[in-house]
Amino acid sequence: MNDWQRKSPLDWETYVNKLVKVVAVEKHEYEGWVLTVDPVSATIVLATFPENEKGSISFVMGHAVQEVEVLQEGDSDMEQRLARIVAPEESQAYSAEELERRKNALKTWLETNHIPVGEQGELGRTLSVAGVLSIEPPYGPEQCSSTNEIILARVQGLLQGFLQQQH
């Protein structure tokens, strides 16, 4: 186990949103903005923004890390840019009021069609369908998740139809 792997998640968190240079085994060097560090494998997730391109993501496996050097602190603009990599852009396009309206319209439609639905999560933002499927904001087919693929496919199909009715 190397020094990097021995660090705690709180230590790794201090590197998030900072530009770093990572020296890995066989003298490989990687440079980028730290999006996150996997707490199990100590793998570093780096984002880079090449000229005129969307951001790209690379992973440096924790066991290969030999040294991590902070090159630059991230400002709030960079933090927002990094957050946009992992947050779906669709969810940022809606105001809190619009998301609430979408959630309530979908919930009412599901109830009208006799599909058991409830709200879950601290803020009640997640819809739970029959306790086996959840729908996150902004409440589209892509935001559905379930371990049951048949239910997932059916509800995604229903949701697609519902959204087409709305437009």
Protein backbone atom coordinates (compact mmCIF):
# COMPACT_ATOMS: atom_id res chain seq x y z
CA MET A 1 0.00 0.00 0.00
CA ASN A 2 1.42 3.39 -0.98
CA ASP A 3 1.23 6.73 0.89
CA TRP A 4 -1.67 7.92 -1.30
CA GLN A 5 -3.75 4.83 -0.47
CA ARG A 6 -3.10 5.32 3.26
CA LYS A 7 -4.74 8.76 3.25
CA SER A 8 -8.27 9.13 4.58
CA PRO A 9 -11.27 10.36 2.54
CA LEU A 10 -11.00 13.68 4.42
CA ASP A 11 -7.39 14.02 3.20
CA TRP A 12 -8.41 13.24 -0.39
CA GLU A 13 -11.29 15.70 -0.20
CA THR A 14 -8.77 18.55 0.19
CA TYR A 15 -7.62 17.86 -3.41
CA VAL A 16 -11.11 18.20 -4.96
CA ASN A 17 -11.54 21.17 -7.35
CA LYS A 18 -7.77 21.73 -7.52
CA LEU A 19 -5.41 21.46 -10.49
CA VAL A 20 -2.90 18.73 -9.71
CA LYS A 21 0.01 16.87 -11.23
CA VAL A 22 -0.04 13.16 -10.46
CA VAL A 23 3.13 11.11 -10.78
CA ALA A 24 2.30 7.44 -11.22
CA VAL A 25 4.38 4.27 -11.61
CA GLU A 26 6.88 4.13 -14.48
CA LYS A 27 7.21 7.94 -14.34
CA HIS A 28 3.81 8.54 -16.01
CA GLU A 29 2.53 12.05 -15.26
CA TYR A 30 -1.05 13.24 -15.42
CA GLU A 31 -2.35 16.76 -14.99
CA GLY A 32 -5.94 17.82 -14.43
CA TRP A 33 -8.61 19.08 -12.08
CA VAL A 34 -9.60 16.64 -9.34
CA LEU A 35 -13.31 15.79 -9.65
CA THR A 36 -13.26 13.20 -6.88
CA VAL A 37 -11.24 10.40 -5.31
CA ASP A 38 -12.79 6.95 -4.95
CA PRO A 39 -12.75 6.15 -1.21
CA VAL A 40 -12.33 2.39 -1.77
CA SER A 41 -9.61 2.21 -4.43
CA ALA A 42 -8.04 5.69 -3.93
CA THR A 43 -8.45 6.20 -7.70
CA ILE A 44 -8.20 9.86 -8.70
CA VAL A 45 -10.74 11.17 -11.23
CA LEU A 46 -9.21 14.02 -13.24
CA ALA A 47 -10.97 16.43 -15.60
CA THR A 48 -9.15 18.29 -18.34
CA PHE A 49 -10.44 20.96 -20.68
CA PRO A 50 -8.45 20.84 -23.94
CA GLU A 51 -8.80 23.90 -26.20
CA ASN A 52 -12.12 24.07 -28.08
CA GLU A 53 -13.27 20.71 -26.70
CA LYS A 54 -15.68 19.59 -24.06
CA GLY A 55 -14.06 18.34 -20.88
CA SER A 56 -12.53 14.90 -20.76
CA ILE A 57 -12.15 12.62 -17.77
CA SER A 58 -9.28 10.32 -16.89
CA PHE A 59 -8.69 7.94 -14.01
CA VAL A 60 -5.42 7.31 -12.20
CA MET A 61 -5.67 4.07 -10.26
CA GLY A 62 -4.90 4.55 -6.56
CA HIS A 63 -2.31 1.76 -6.40
CA ALA A 64 -0.30 3.45 -9.18
CA VAL A 65 -0.17 6.92 -7.55
CA GLN A 66 3.26 7.87 -6.25
CA GLU A 67 2.93 11.61 -5.75
CA VAL A 68 0.21 14.27 -6.03
CA GLU A 69 1.20 17.93 -6.27
CA VAL A 70 -1.33 20.78 -6.15
CA LEU A 71 -0.58 23.25 -8.97
CA GLN A 72 -3.51 25.63 -8.60
CA GLU A 73 -6.53 26.23 -6.37
CA GLY A 74 -9.91 26.15 -8.10
CA ASP A 75 -12.07 29.28 -8.12
CA SER A 76 -15.87 29.26 -8.05
CA ASP A 77 -16.03 29.35 -11.88
CA MET A 78 -13.93 26.19 -12.07
CA GLU A 79 -16.00 24.51 -9.35
CA GLN A 80 -19.16 25.18 -11.38
CA ARG A 81 -17.48 23.93 -14.56
CA LEU A 82 -16.45 20.71 -12.79
CA ALA A 83 -19.93 20.30 -11.28
CA ARG A 84 -21.45 20.53 -14.78
CA ILE A 85 -19.39 17.50 -15.84
CA VAL A 86 -21.12 15.21 -13.36
CA ALA A 87 -24.54 16.93 -13.11
CA PRO A 88 -26.85 16.41 -16.07
CA GLU A 89 -27.33 19.70 -17.89
CA GLU A 90 -31.07 19.11 -18.11
CA SER A 91 -31.50 19.39 -14.35
CA GLN A 92 -29.79 22.79 -14.36
CA ALA A 93 -32.17 24.13 -16.99
CA TYR A 94 -35.16 23.98 -14.62
CA SER A 95 -35.95 26.28 -11.73
CA ALA A 96 -36.98 24.80 -8.39
CA GLU A 97 -40.58 25.82 -9.14
CA GLU A 98 -40.50 24.15 -12.57
CA LEU A 99 -39.08 20.92 -11.08
CA GLU A 100 -41.82 20.93 -8.43
CA ARG A 101 -44.46 21.49 -11.13
CA ARG A 102 -43.04 18.61 -13.23
CA LYS A 103 -42.91 16.31 -10.21
CA ASN A 104 -46.49 17.09 -9.17
CA ALA A 105 -47.83 16.71 -12.73
CA LEU A 106 -46.12 13.33 -13.11
CA LYS A 107 -47.25 12.16 -9.66
CA THR A 108 -50.87 13.16 -10.39
CA TRP A 109 -50.74 11.41 -13.79
CA LEU A 110 -49.33 8.21 -12.25
CA GLU A 111 -52.02 8.25 -9.53
CA THR A 112 -54.75 8.88 -12.13
CA ASN A 113 -53.51 5.76 -13.94
CA HIS A 114 -53.63 3.73 -10.70
CA ILE A 115 -49.86 3.41 -10.40
CA PRO A 116 -48.77 3.53 -6.74
CA VAL A 117 -46.41 6.46 -6.28
CA GLY A 118 -44.90 8.25 -3.31
CA GLU A 119 -42.21 10.77 -2.51
CA GLN A 120 -38.95 9.89 -0.86
CA GLY A 121 -35.70 11.52 0.14
CA GLU A 122 -35.07 14.34 2.55
CA LEU A 123 -36.77 16.95 0.36
CA GLY A 124 -39.27 14.58 -1.24
CA ARG A 125 -37.69 15.24 -4.64
CA THR A 126 -37.52 11.57 -5.65
CA LEU A 127 -40.68 9.81 -6.79
CA SER A 128 -40.95 6.16 -5.80
CA VAL A 129 -43.11 3.96 -8.04
CA ALA A 130 -44.50 0.86 -6.30
CA GLY A 131 -41.40 0.86 -4.08
CA VAL A 132 -39.31 -0.72 -6.86
CA LEU A 133 -38.47 2.22 -9.13
CA SER A 134 -37.32 5.76 -8.45
CA ILE A 135 -37.51 8.85 -10.64
CA GLU A 136 -35.14 11.75 -9.93
CA PRO A 137 -35.44 15.37 -11.15
CA PRO A 138 -36.08 16.50 -13.87
CA TYR A 139 -38.40 13.46 -14.02
CA GLY A 140 -37.69 12.09 -17.49
CA PRO A 141 -37.18 8.50 -18.70
CA GLU A 142 -33.40 8.87 -18.27
CA GLN A 143 -33.85 9.62 -14.57
CA CYS A 144 -35.65 6.33 -13.85
CA SER A 145 -33.75 3.64 -11.97
CA SER A 146 -34.76 0.16 -10.87
CA THR A 147 -33.16 -3.23 -10.46
CA ASN A 148 -36.15 -4.75 -12.28
CA GLU A 149 -35.47 -4.19 -16.00
CA ILE A 150 -39.02 -5.10 -17.09
CA ILE A 151 -40.61 -2.52 -14.75
CA LEU A 152 -37.92 0.01 -15.70
CA ALA A 153 -38.62 -0.38 -19.44
CA ARG A 154 -42.41 -0.19 -18.95
CA VAL A 155 -42.33 2.90 -16.74
CA GLN A 156 -39.84 4.61 -19.07
CA GLY A 157 -42.22 3.92 -21.95
CA LEU A 158 -45.18 5.33 -19.99
CA LEU A 159 -43.14 8.36 -19.00
CA GLN A 160 -42.12 8.98 -22.63
CA GLY A 161 -45.80 8.93 -23.61
CA PHE A 162 -46.72 11.23 -20.72
CA LEU A 163 -44.03 13.77 -21.69
CA GLN A 164 -45.16 13.72 -25.34
CA GLN A 165 -48.74 14.47 -24.16
CA GLN A 166 -47.42 17.43 -22.18
CA HIS A 167 -45.81 19.12 -25.20
